[in-house]
Protein backbone atom coordinates (compact mmCIF):
# COMPACT_ATOMS: atom_id res chain seq x y z
CA MET A 1 -72.23 121.02 -17.36
CA PHE A 2 -74.77 118.84 -15.39
CA GLN A 3 -77.43 118.85 -18.27
CA TYR A 4 -74.94 116.46 -19.81
CA TYR A 5 -75.40 114.18 -16.69
CA LYS A 6 -77.75 111.03 -17.11
CA PRO A 7 -77.96 108.95 -13.82
CA PRO A 8 -78.32 105.00 -14.23
CA ASP A 9 -81.50 103.42 -15.80
CA ASP A 10 -82.51 101.64 -12.70
CA GLY A 11 -81.43 104.82 -10.58
CA PHE A 12 -78.86 103.66 -7.65
CA SER A 13 -80.15 100.38 -6.32
CA GLY A 14 -77.57 98.52 -7.15
CA VAL A 15 -74.50 98.38 -4.80
CA TRP A 16 -72.52 101.89 -5.37
CA ILE A 17 -69.21 103.43 -3.67
CA GLY A 18 -66.93 106.34 -4.14
CA ARG A 19 -65.51 108.89 -2.49
CA ALA A 20 -66.08 112.60 -1.75
CA TRP A 21 -64.18 115.77 -0.04
CA LEU A 22 -65.72 116.66 3.24
CA PRO A 23 -65.08 120.08 4.38
CA GLY A 24 -63.98 121.63 7.77
CA SER A 25 -61.76 120.96 10.46
CA GLN A 26 -62.31 117.04 10.21
CA GLY A 27 -62.82 117.10 6.76
CA GLY A 28 -60.59 115.22 3.85
CA PRO A 29 -61.51 112.60 1.82
CA ALA A 30 -64.61 110.16 2.70
CA VAL A 31 -65.51 106.52 1.54
CA ILE A 32 -69.01 107.25 0.34
CA VAL A 33 -71.51 104.92 -0.14
CA VAL A 34 -74.49 105.86 -2.58
CA ARG A 35 -77.97 105.10 -2.41
CA PRO A 36 -81.44 106.59 -3.84
CA ASP A 37 -82.16 108.52 -0.85
CA GLY A 38 -78.48 109.89 -0.63
CA ILE A 39 -74.96 109.63 0.06
CA TYR A 40 -73.66 108.63 3.47
CA ASP A 41 -69.68 108.98 4.50
CA VAL A 42 -68.99 105.33 6.05
CA THR A 43 -64.78 106.26 6.35
CA ARG A 44 -65.35 104.88 10.42
CA HIS A 45 -65.56 101.76 8.58
CA VAL A 46 -63.24 101.49 6.55
CA ALA A 47 -60.96 104.33 5.50
CA THR A 48 -59.81 103.80 1.81
CA VAL A 49 -61.56 102.06 -0.96
CA SER A 50 -58.31 99.75 -1.61
CA ALA A 51 -59.15 98.39 1.94
CA LEU A 52 -62.64 97.75 0.93
CA CYS A 53 -61.45 96.06 -2.33
CA GLU A 54 -60.07 93.52 0.02
CA VAL A 55 -63.49 92.68 1.83
CA SER A 56 -65.38 89.61 0.44
CA ASN A 57 -68.47 89.43 -0.45
CA THR A 58 -67.73 93.86 -1.01
CA ALA A 59 -70.99 94.38 -2.08
CA GLY A 60 -73.00 92.60 0.91
CA TYR A 61 -71.02 94.09 3.32
CA VAL A 62 -71.43 97.22 1.79
CA ARG A 63 -75.44 96.58 2.01
CA GLY A 64 -75.25 96.26 6.04
CA LEU A 65 -72.99 99.42 6.53
CA THR A 66 -74.51 102.99 8.23
CA GLY A 67 -73.05 105.83 8.11
CA GLU A 68 -73.61 109.66 7.99
CA ARG A 69 -75.65 111.22 5.35
CA VAL A 70 -73.42 113.36 3.70
CA GLY A 71 -76.37 115.23 1.50
CA ASP A 72 -78.64 114.17 -2.29
CA VAL A 73 -76.72 112.39 -5.01
CA GLU A 74 -77.58 115.37 -7.42
CA SER A 75 -76.32 118.08 -4.87
CA LEU A 76 -73.20 116.34 -5.04
CA LEU A 77 -72.65 115.99 -8.95
CA ARG A 78 -73.53 119.58 -9.18
CA ASN A 79 -70.86 121.06 -6.65
CA SER A 80 -68.08 118.62 -8.54
CA PHE A 81 -67.56 121.25 -11.56
CA ALA A 82 -64.80 123.07 -11.23
CA GLU A 83 -66.13 125.64 -12.49
CA GLY A 84 -68.44 127.19 -9.77
CA ARG A 85 -67.48 124.62 -6.53
CA ASP A 86 -68.33 125.74 -3.79
CA GLU A 87 -65.76 124.22 -1.42
CA SER A 88 -67.15 124.82 1.68
CA ARG A 89 -69.74 122.13 0.28
CA PRO A 90 -69.48 117.87 -0.06
CA PHE A 91 -67.85 117.69 -3.65
CA LEU A 92 -66.86 114.51 -5.55
CA LEU A 93 -63.26 112.95 -5.72
CA ALA A 94 -62.13 110.01 -7.89
CA PRO A 95 -63.52 106.98 -6.79
CA ILE A 96 -60.58 105.42 -6.16
CA ASP A 97 -57.39 105.64 -4.36
CA LEU A 98 -54.36 103.16 -3.44
CA GLN A 99 -54.90 101.71 -6.28
CA ALA A 100 -52.58 101.20 -9.43
CA ILE A 101 -53.79 102.31 -12.14
CA LYS A 102 -53.71 100.33 -15.28
CA ALA A 103 -54.96 100.44 -18.45
CA ALA A 104 -55.30 97.95 -21.68
CA GLY A 105 -54.65 98.95 -25.22
CA VAL A 106 -55.54 98.13 -28.72
CA THR A 107 -58.19 95.71 -27.37
CA PHE A 108 -60.66 96.63 -30.65
CA ALA A 109 -60.18 96.52 -34.28
CA ALA A 110 -61.01 99.63 -34.84
CA SER A 111 -58.63 101.16 -32.49
CA LEU A 112 -56.10 98.87 -33.53
CA VAL A 113 -56.48 100.35 -37.45
CA GLU A 114 -56.17 104.05 -35.66
CA ARG A 115 -53.07 103.18 -33.54
CA ILE A 116 -51.53 102.07 -36.87
CA VAL A 117 -52.61 104.97 -38.30
CA GLU A 118 -50.66 106.82 -36.08
CA GLU A 119 -47.68 104.94 -36.19
CA GLN A 120 -47.29 105.45 -40.13
CA SER A 121 -48.42 108.63 -40.22
CA LYS A 122 -45.42 109.56 -37.77
CA GLY A 123 -48.04 111.35 -35.26
CA ASP A 124 -48.67 113.70 -38.33
CA PRO A 125 -52.52 114.45 -38.88
CA ALA A 126 -52.46 115.60 -41.90
CA ALA A 127 -51.51 112.28 -43.22
CA ALA A 128 -53.64 110.43 -41.59
CA ASP A 129 -56.43 110.11 -43.95
CA ARG A 130 -53.81 108.70 -46.83
CA VAL A 131 -52.64 105.92 -44.16
CA ARG A 132 -55.82 105.10 -43.21
CA GLU A 133 -57.49 104.59 -46.79
CA SER A 134 -53.76 102.29 -47.50
CA LEU A 135 -54.17 100.09 -44.74
CA ALA A 136 -57.48 99.20 -45.54
CA THR A 137 -56.46 97.95 -48.71
CA GLU A 138 -53.77 96.34 -47.59
CA ILE A 139 -54.49 94.50 -44.72
CA GLY A 140 -57.29 93.53 -45.75
CA ALA A 141 -58.84 90.78 -42.91
CA ASP A 142 -61.68 91.57 -41.21
CA LEU A 143 -59.69 92.00 -37.57
CA LEU A 144 -63.34 91.35 -36.00
CA LYS A 145 -63.21 88.07 -36.59
CA ILE A 146 -59.38 87.36 -35.74
CA ARG A 147 -59.53 85.85 -31.99
CA PRO A 148 -55.58 87.44 -30.47
CA GLY A 149 -53.33 84.54 -29.75
CA SER A 150 -55.57 81.80 -32.57
CA PRO A 151 -53.93 79.80 -35.00
CA ASP A 152 -55.80 82.36 -37.49
CA ALA A 153 -54.02 85.15 -35.85
CA GLU A 154 -50.54 83.42 -36.24
CA ALA A 155 -51.48 83.08 -39.43
CA LEU A 156 -52.36 86.40 -40.00
CA ARG A 157 -49.36 88.03 -38.22
CA GLN A 158 -46.89 85.54 -41.10
CA ALA A 159 -48.49 87.04 -43.67
CA LEU A 160 -48.19 91.16 -42.81
CA VAL A 161 -44.58 90.21 -41.94
CA ARG A 162 -43.31 88.71 -45.12
CA ARG A 163 -45.29 91.50 -47.34
CA GLY A 164 -43.43 94.03 -44.34
CA LEU A 165 -46.49 95.16 -42.87
CA TRP A 166 -46.33 93.93 -39.00
CA SER A 167 -46.85 96.47 -36.49
CA GLN A 168 -46.17 96.62 -32.68
CA TYR A 169 -49.72 97.13 -32.49
CA LEU A 170 -50.86 94.41 -34.45
CA GLU A 171 -48.42 92.32 -32.04
CA VAL A 172 -50.26 93.73 -29.14
CA GLY A 173 -53.54 93.63 -30.86
CA ILE A 174 -53.79 89.66 -32.06
CA GLY A 175 -51.40 88.75 -30.64
CA PRO A 176 -51.05 86.29 -26.98
CA ASP A 177 -49.91 89.04 -24.45
CA ALA A 178 -51.90 92.06 -24.36
CA GLU A 179 -50.81 95.50 -23.96
CA VAL A 180 -51.43 96.50 -20.28
CA PHE A 181 -49.25 100.17 -19.30
CA THR A 182 -49.31 102.19 -16.35
CA LYS A 183 -51.68 104.89 -16.59
CA ALA A 184 -50.92 106.89 -13.87
CA GLN A 185 -49.97 107.09 -10.16
CA PRO A 186 -52.15 106.01 -7.40
CA MET A 187 -53.78 108.98 -6.11
CA SER A 188 -53.55 110.90 -9.34
CA ALA A 189 -57.04 110.71 -11.01
CA VAL A 190 -59.28 113.27 -10.77
CA GLY A 191 -63.12 112.91 -10.88
CA PHE A 192 -67.10 114.30 -12.13
CA GLY A 193 -67.06 117.53 -12.63
CA ALA A 194 -62.81 118.43 -12.77
CA ASP A 195 -60.78 119.80 -15.58
CA ILE A 196 -59.21 116.81 -17.48
CA GLY A 197 -55.72 117.61 -18.93
CA ILE A 198 -54.09 117.87 -22.41
CA HIS A 199 -50.50 118.25 -22.79
CA PRO A 200 -49.86 122.05 -24.53
CA LYS A 201 -47.31 120.42 -26.77
CA SER A 202 -50.01 118.40 -28.36
CA SER A 203 -51.98 118.90 -31.37
CA TRP A 204 -53.69 115.67 -32.23
CA ASN A 205 -55.59 113.93 -29.42
CA ASN A 206 -58.84 112.53 -28.16
CA PRO A 207 -60.84 111.19 -25.07
CA GLU A 208 -60.90 107.83 -24.86
CA PRO A 209 -63.98 106.48 -23.30
CA GLU A 210 -63.79 103.56 -21.26
CA ILE A 211 -64.98 100.72 -18.57
CA VAL A 212 -63.21 100.63 -15.80
CA LEU A 213 -62.36 97.38 -13.90
CA LEU A 214 -62.03 97.61 -9.90
CA VAL A 215 -59.58 94.99 -8.85
CA SER A 216 -58.48 93.60 -5.49
CA SER A 217 -54.45 92.16 -4.53
CA ALA A 218 -56.06 89.03 -5.02
CA GLY A 219 -57.27 89.75 -8.52
CA ARG A 220 -60.98 89.50 -8.06
CA ILE A 221 -63.11 91.75 -10.14
CA VAL A 222 -65.24 93.84 -7.20
CA GLY A 223 -66.55 96.13 -9.62
CA ALA A 224 -66.99 98.88 -12.66
CA THR A 225 -67.04 102.41 -13.27
CA LEU A 226 -66.23 104.71 -15.82
CA GLY A 227 -63.06 106.25 -17.20
CA ASN A 228 -61.29 108.63 -19.41
CA ASP A 229 -57.95 107.78 -20.49
CA VAL A 230 -56.99 110.84 -22.78
CA ASN A 231 -54.42 110.27 -25.36
CA LEU A 232 -51.66 112.82 -27.22
CA ARG A 233 -52.04 110.93 -30.81
CA ASP A 234 -48.99 112.86 -32.50
CA PHE A 235 -46.72 112.13 -28.92
CA GLU A 236 -47.26 108.42 -29.43
CA GLY A 237 -47.15 108.09 -33.26
CA ARG A 238 -44.28 110.00 -33.31
CA SER A 239 -42.47 106.83 -31.04
CA ALA A 240 -44.46 104.22 -28.66
CA LEU A 241 -41.34 105.08 -26.42
CA LEU A 242 -43.38 108.35 -25.65
CA LEU A 243 -45.98 106.28 -24.44
CA SER A 244 -46.00 107.78 -21.08
CA LYS A 245 -45.69 110.96 -21.93
CA ALA A 246 -48.63 110.56 -24.25
CA LYS A 247 -50.68 109.22 -21.63
CA ASP A 248 -49.50 110.30 -17.72
CA ASN A 249 -49.73 114.15 -17.31
CA ASN A 250 -51.68 116.41 -15.06
CA ALA A 251 -55.02 115.22 -14.76
CA SER A 252 -55.35 113.42 -17.75
CA THR A 253 -57.18 110.44 -16.22
CA ALA A 254 -60.76 110.95 -15.30
CA ILE A 255 -62.68 108.03 -13.60
CA GLY A 256 -65.78 108.08 -11.76
CA PRO A 257 -68.47 109.33 -10.91
CA PHE A 258 -69.18 106.14 -8.79
CA VAL A 259 -68.23 102.53 -8.86
CA ARG A 260 -70.92 100.15 -9.38
CA LEU A 261 -69.89 96.80 -7.20
CA LEU A 262 -70.54 93.00 -8.75
CA ASP A 263 -73.76 91.39 -7.03
CA ALA A 264 -76.32 89.03 -8.78
CA ASP A 265 -78.36 91.88 -10.81
CA PHE A 266 -74.72 93.42 -11.94
CA GLY A 267 -72.35 90.81 -12.93
CA LEU A 268 -69.11 90.15 -15.29
CA ASP A 269 -71.46 89.26 -18.20
CA THR A 270 -73.21 92.90 -18.02
CA ILE A 271 -70.32 94.62 -18.56
CA ARG A 272 -69.46 92.20 -21.18
CA ARG A 273 -73.22 93.08 -23.01
CA ALA A 274 -72.21 97.14 -21.98
CA GLN A 275 -72.26 100.27 -24.64
CA VAL A 276 -70.17 103.24 -23.81
CA THR A 277 -71.65 106.26 -24.85
CA LEU A 278 -69.50 109.52 -25.73
CA GLN A 279 -70.58 113.48 -26.17
CA VAL A 280 -68.02 116.24 -27.25
CA LEU A 281 -69.01 119.58 -27.19
CA GLY A 282 -66.79 122.10 -27.83
CA GLU A 283 -67.06 126.35 -27.42
CA ASP A 284 -66.64 126.81 -30.86
CA GLY A 285 -70.25 124.97 -31.43
CA PHE A 286 -68.19 121.41 -32.15
CA ALA A 287 -70.60 118.40 -31.78
CA LEU A 288 -68.99 114.63 -31.77
CA ASP A 289 -70.61 111.63 -31.05
CA GLY A 290 -69.56 108.00 -30.85
CA VAL A 291 -70.43 104.42 -28.58
CA SER A 292 -68.42 101.57 -28.06
CA HIS A 293 -69.59 98.33 -27.92
CA MET A 294 -68.03 95.76 -25.37
CA SER A 295 -69.68 93.10 -27.05
CA GLN A 296 -66.64 94.38 -29.73
CA ILE A 297 -63.63 93.74 -27.38
CA SER A 298 -61.43 91.26 -29.07
CA ARG A 299 -59.75 89.95 -24.92
CA ASP A 300 -62.58 89.31 -22.58
CA PRO A 301 -62.11 91.58 -19.71
CA ALA A 302 -61.31 88.45 -17.42
CA ASP A 303 -58.21 87.97 -19.74
CA LEU A 304 -57.15 91.09 -19.34
CA VAL A 305 -57.59 91.08 -15.52
CA SER A 306 -55.58 87.30 -15.12
CA GLN A 307 -52.95 89.36 -18.10
CA THR A 308 -52.00 92.45 -15.30
CA ILE A 309 -52.45 90.15 -12.16
CA GLY A 310 -50.72 87.21 -11.27
CA ALA A 311 -47.17 85.17 -10.23
CA THR A 312 -44.91 87.71 -12.10
CA HIS A 313 -46.98 91.20 -10.77
CA GLN A 314 -48.87 91.94 -7.64
CA TYR A 315 -50.59 94.63 -6.35
CA PRO A 316 -50.78 94.73 -2.47
CA ASP A 317 -53.73 97.79 -2.52
CA GLY A 318 -54.70 96.32 -5.96
CA PHE A 319 -55.52 98.18 -8.92
CA VAL A 320 -58.00 99.55 -11.70
CA LEU A 321 -57.81 98.81 -15.11
CA PHE A 322 -59.18 100.40 -17.97
CA LEU A 323 -60.57 97.77 -21.04
CA GLY A 324 -60.15 100.01 -23.49
CA THR A 325 -61.96 101.34 -26.29
CA MET A 326 -62.98 100.82 -30.55
CA PHE A 327 -63.99 104.93 -30.08
CA ALA A 328 -61.03 106.78 -32.03
CA PRO A 329 -62.66 109.91 -33.53
CA THR A 330 -62.10 110.98 -37.33
CA LYS A 331 -64.47 113.40 -37.62
CA PRO A 332 -62.96 116.17 -39.17
CA ARG A 333 -63.06 119.77 -36.87
CA GLU A 334 -61.05 122.48 -38.97
CA GLY A 335 -60.19 119.98 -42.56
CA GLY A 336 -56.99 118.33 -43.34
CA GLY A 337 -56.74 114.64 -42.37
CA GLY A 338 -56.42 114.22 -39.17
CA GLY A 339 -59.91 114.81 -37.37
CA PHE A 340 -60.49 115.61 -34.57
CA THR A 341 -58.68 117.27 -31.97
CA HIS A 342 -59.30 118.39 -28.53
CA LYS A 343 -59.80 122.46 -27.87
CA ASN A 344 -59.64 124.13 -24.47
CA GLY A 345 -63.12 124.10 -22.80
CA ASP A 346 -64.40 120.92 -24.56
CA VAL A 347 -67.22 119.06 -22.34
CA VAL A 348 -66.77 115.19 -22.32
CA ALA A 349 -69.29 113.01 -21.03
CA ILE A 350 -68.38 109.67 -21.08
CA GLY A 351 -72.11 106.85 -20.35
CA SER A 352 -73.64 103.98 -20.24
CA ALA A 353 -76.88 102.95 -18.70
CA GLU A 354 -75.61 100.74 -16.20
CA LEU A 355 -72.68 103.03 -14.73
CA GLY A 356 -74.45 106.51 -15.13
CA THR A 357 -72.33 109.49 -16.58
CA LEU A 358 -68.87 110.88 -16.07
CA VAL A 359 -68.40 114.16 -17.03
CA ASN A 360 -65.58 116.54 -17.52
CA ARG A 361 -64.24 119.60 -18.93
CA VAL A 362 -60.95 119.72 -21.10
CA ARG A 363 -57.91 122.36 -20.21
CA THR A 364 -54.23 121.82 -21.24
CA SER A 365 -52.51 119.76 -17.93
CA ASP A 366 -50.20 123.65 -16.91
CA GLN A 367 -53.79 124.96 -16.24
CA ALA A 368 -55.59 122.14 -14.65
CA PRO A 369 -55.44 122.17 -10.76
CA PRO A 370 -51.86 120.72 -9.94
CA TRP A 371 -51.99 117.60 -8.27
CA THR A 372 -50.67 117.87 -4.84
CA PHE A 373 -53.15 115.77 -2.41
CA GLY A 374 -50.63 111.74 -2.88
CA VAL A 375 -50.55 108.99 -0.37
CA ARG A 376 -48.44 111.03 2.79
CA ALA A 377 -51.55 113.52 2.51
CA LEU A 378 -53.72 110.66 2.64
CA ILE A 379 -52.07 109.17 5.59
CA ALA A 380 -51.59 112.48 7.13
CA SER A 381 -55.65 113.38 6.73
CA LEU A 382 -56.38 110.20 8.29
CA THR A 383 -54.20 110.01 11.28
CA ALA A 384 -55.56 113.55 11.92
CA ARG A 385 -59.04 112.65 11.75
CA GLY A 386 -58.55 109.06 14.51
CA LEU A 387 -59.50 106.81 11.25
CA ILE A 388 -55.99 105.46 10.76
CA GLU A 389 -56.66 101.76 12.53
CA SER A 390 -59.85 102.00 9.74
CA ALA A 391 -57.65 102.45 6.78
CA SER A 392 -56.07 98.92 7.13
CA ARG A 393 -58.73 97.35 8.29
CA VAL A 394 -60.17 94.17 6.34
CA ALA A 395 -63.61 92.58 7.14
CA GLY A 396 -64.14 88.74 6.74
């Protein structure tokens, strides 16, 4: 699967961090720094990515860190694929640890329409085409031109209510309040090369290629990475109250491969202009390509962060925030009206010129390795290695 990986266009000339599993009697999760000449273990300086995010001028601090060289980037990436992994050698983990894992939904017009399709078809993929065609006629408005929470959005809302066409997805898509939900538990995300999980009872699902922001406990955006917010369209379409079952399953959150920290050369404006690509390749020969343009997001990333954290909601260990996707695949795979759905063995590659590529293989959640290493295990590992003090250290 390594052939689907593409490095960032500028190599690793920016400031990059991540996490890796280091083998051996004194091994365990390590905070790493990624540089053009290799990967370095800096856990003795700061033992969690959560604590690192609390450092003021995080990028400047990381530039000055020294550590033991773990290996070259390509070797670590290659050994991170679940199939054929040599666990006696280092491999990548998700590049976050104690942070809450949050996600923003319905932040693009295209995905807004598809959420309504799911809702009105009651999760039945065979009815999707008919509902999709009907919506295009009935809604009429160019949703790309509607700014959420604006007077125009309110006028459209009132008009649709009068016509009996209002939807909970339109409420969060063009209303003043964003949808921000808990995608998964801290420490549960899988990283580059790992198997990602689809609930075995789902027959209509898709990947969601997204940019993911890394945010400190004070709400400061520290960096960005790539993520797959795996989604079960049939579960959520049956009822929005099944969102947790549609989103939070074993191995259903993939993040990585590394976090790029914000600095003078990589800022929020770069993220606002980014393009996120998606490639799905099935063992049956099926191929799917797509692209999500961040310039078409309906809510600014900074606004989504401010709606996630504030006086009414705090995250003392920081959080990551999936920004949403405009990509909801409808390309038919086996006929019928539902369009795309995953099959076991699909390879999913999510990429951007600025952040590299996140590659994973699809399995059902009961086939993917179970999640067993949580917060208690991390604390025990750091204690055994004499690193527990650096786990909470915050530099000035």
